[in-house]
């Protein structure tokens, strides 16, 4: 997000960061509302309070997993352990 908000030689980074914050707030609100509606509908359909939370929780988990895979593909992270090892080899030795 921070890299997207900074344009070399340009101003207005604060405005762009504010827009990102507003987008996150809207996404949280919509997600919370849809989760609550989905849970209520599942409770009515299944006739069980506990059973109504299962589909909502599973769909939330699946969406989070899909987002993580999409982010991993977009960022190009393939092998985080190897990347960490390369970074440690390049880092100067810690003294002290």
Protein backbone atom coordinates (compact mmCIF):
# COMPACT_ATOMS: atom_id res chain seq x y z
CA UNK A 1 0.00 0.00 0.00
CA UNK A 2 2.75 2.42 0.92
CA UNK A 3 4.57 1.82 -2.36
CA UNK A 4 1.39 2.54 -4.31
CA UNK A 5 0.77 5.77 -2.41
CA UNK A 6 4.12 7.36 -3.28
CA UNK A 7 4.59 8.81 -6.74
CA UNK A 8 8.15 9.92 -7.48
CA UNK A 9 8.24 13.70 -7.74
CA UNK A 10 4.57 14.07 -6.91
CA UNK A 11 2.62 15.16 -3.89
CA UNK A 12 -0.65 14.07 -2.42
CA UNK A 13 0.57 10.88 -0.76
CA UNK A 14 -1.60 11.64 2.27
CA UNK A 15 -4.72 11.86 0.12
CA UNK A 16 -3.94 8.55 -1.57
CA UNK A 17 -3.28 6.90 1.80
CA UNK A 18 -6.61 8.29 3.03
CA UNK A 19 -8.39 6.79 0.05
CA UNK A 20 -6.78 3.41 0.79
CA UNK A 21 -7.92 3.70 4.41
CA UNK A 22 -11.46 4.54 3.35
CA UNK A 23 -11.50 1.59 0.95
CA UNK A 24 -10.39 -0.72 3.76
CA UNK A 25 -13.09 0.64 6.06
CA UNK A 26 -15.79 0.10 3.44
CA UNK A 27 -14.53 -3.42 2.75
CA UNK A 28 -14.62 -4.27 6.47
CA UNK A 29 -18.15 -2.88 6.83
CA UNK A 30 -19.48 -4.71 3.78
CA UNK A 31 -17.75 -7.95 4.81
CA UNK A 32 -19.15 -7.73 8.33
CA UNK A 33 -22.64 -7.02 7.07
CA UNK A 34 -22.60 -9.84 4.51
CA UNK A 35 -21.20 -12.24 7.10
CA UNK A 36 -23.99 -11.37 9.53
CA UNK A 37 -26.68 -11.71 6.86
CA UNK A 38 -25.22 -15.01 5.68
CA UNK A 39 -25.07 -16.33 9.22
CA UNK A 40 -28.69 -15.32 9.89
CA UNK A 41 -29.91 -16.90 6.65
CA UNK A 42 -28.03 -20.12 7.42
CA UNK A 43 -29.49 -20.17 10.95
CA UNK A 44 -33.00 -19.84 9.54
CA UNK A 45 -32.39 -22.47 6.85
CA UNK A 46 -30.73 -25.00 9.16
CA UNK A 47 -32.80 -24.30 12.25
CA UNK A 48 -29.71 -24.26 14.45
CA UNK A 49 -27.79 -21.33 15.85
CA UNK A 50 -24.48 -23.21 15.93
CA UNK A 51 -25.05 -24.65 12.46
CA UNK A 52 -25.59 -21.16 11.08
CA UNK A 53 -22.08 -20.06 11.97
CA UNK A 54 -20.34 -22.96 10.23
CA UNK A 55 -21.03 -21.90 6.61
CA UNK A 56 -20.16 -18.30 7.45
CA UNK A 57 -16.87 -19.27 9.10
CA UNK A 58 -15.94 -21.68 6.32
CA UNK A 59 -16.64 -19.16 3.58
CA UNK A 60 -14.61 -16.55 5.47
CA UNK A 61 -11.70 -18.98 5.74
CA UNK A 62 -11.90 -19.88 2.05
CA UNK A 63 -11.96 -16.22 1.03
CA UNK A 64 -8.95 -15.46 3.24
CA UNK A 65 -7.07 -18.41 1.74
CA UNK A 66 -7.93 -17.30 -1.78
CA UNK A 67 -6.77 -13.76 -0.98
CA UNK A 68 -3.50 -15.07 0.41
CA UNK A 69 -2.88 -17.14 -2.72
CA UNK A 70 -3.76 -14.18 -4.95
CA UNK A 71 -1.40 -11.91 -2.99
CA UNK A 72 1.36 -14.50 -3.12
CA UNK A 73 0.98 -14.75 -6.89
CA UNK A 74 0.77 -10.98 -7.37
CA UNK A 75 3.82 -10.26 -5.25
CA UNK A 76 5.80 -13.12 -6.74
CA UNK A 77 6.69 -14.86 -3.49
CA UNK A 78 7.66 -18.38 -4.36
CA UNK A 79 9.96 -19.68 -1.66
CA UNK A 80 10.01 -17.53 1.44
CA UNK A 81 12.54 -19.74 3.25
CA UNK A 82 15.05 -19.41 0.41
CA UNK A 83 14.41 -15.67 0.18
CA UNK A 84 15.05 -15.30 3.91
CA UNK A 85 18.27 -17.27 3.65
CA UNK A 86 19.49 -15.07 0.79
CA UNK A 87 18.66 -11.92 2.78
CA UNK A 88 20.59 -13.22 5.79
CA UNK A 89 23.64 -13.96 3.63
CA UNK A 90 23.56 -10.44 2.19
CA UNK A 91 23.07 -8.70 5.55
CA UNK A 92 26.18 -7.37 7.28
CA UNK A 93 27.32 -9.26 10.35
CA UNK A 94 25.84 -8.10 13.64
CA UNK A 95 28.48 -6.82 16.03
CA UNK A 96 27.99 -6.92 19.66
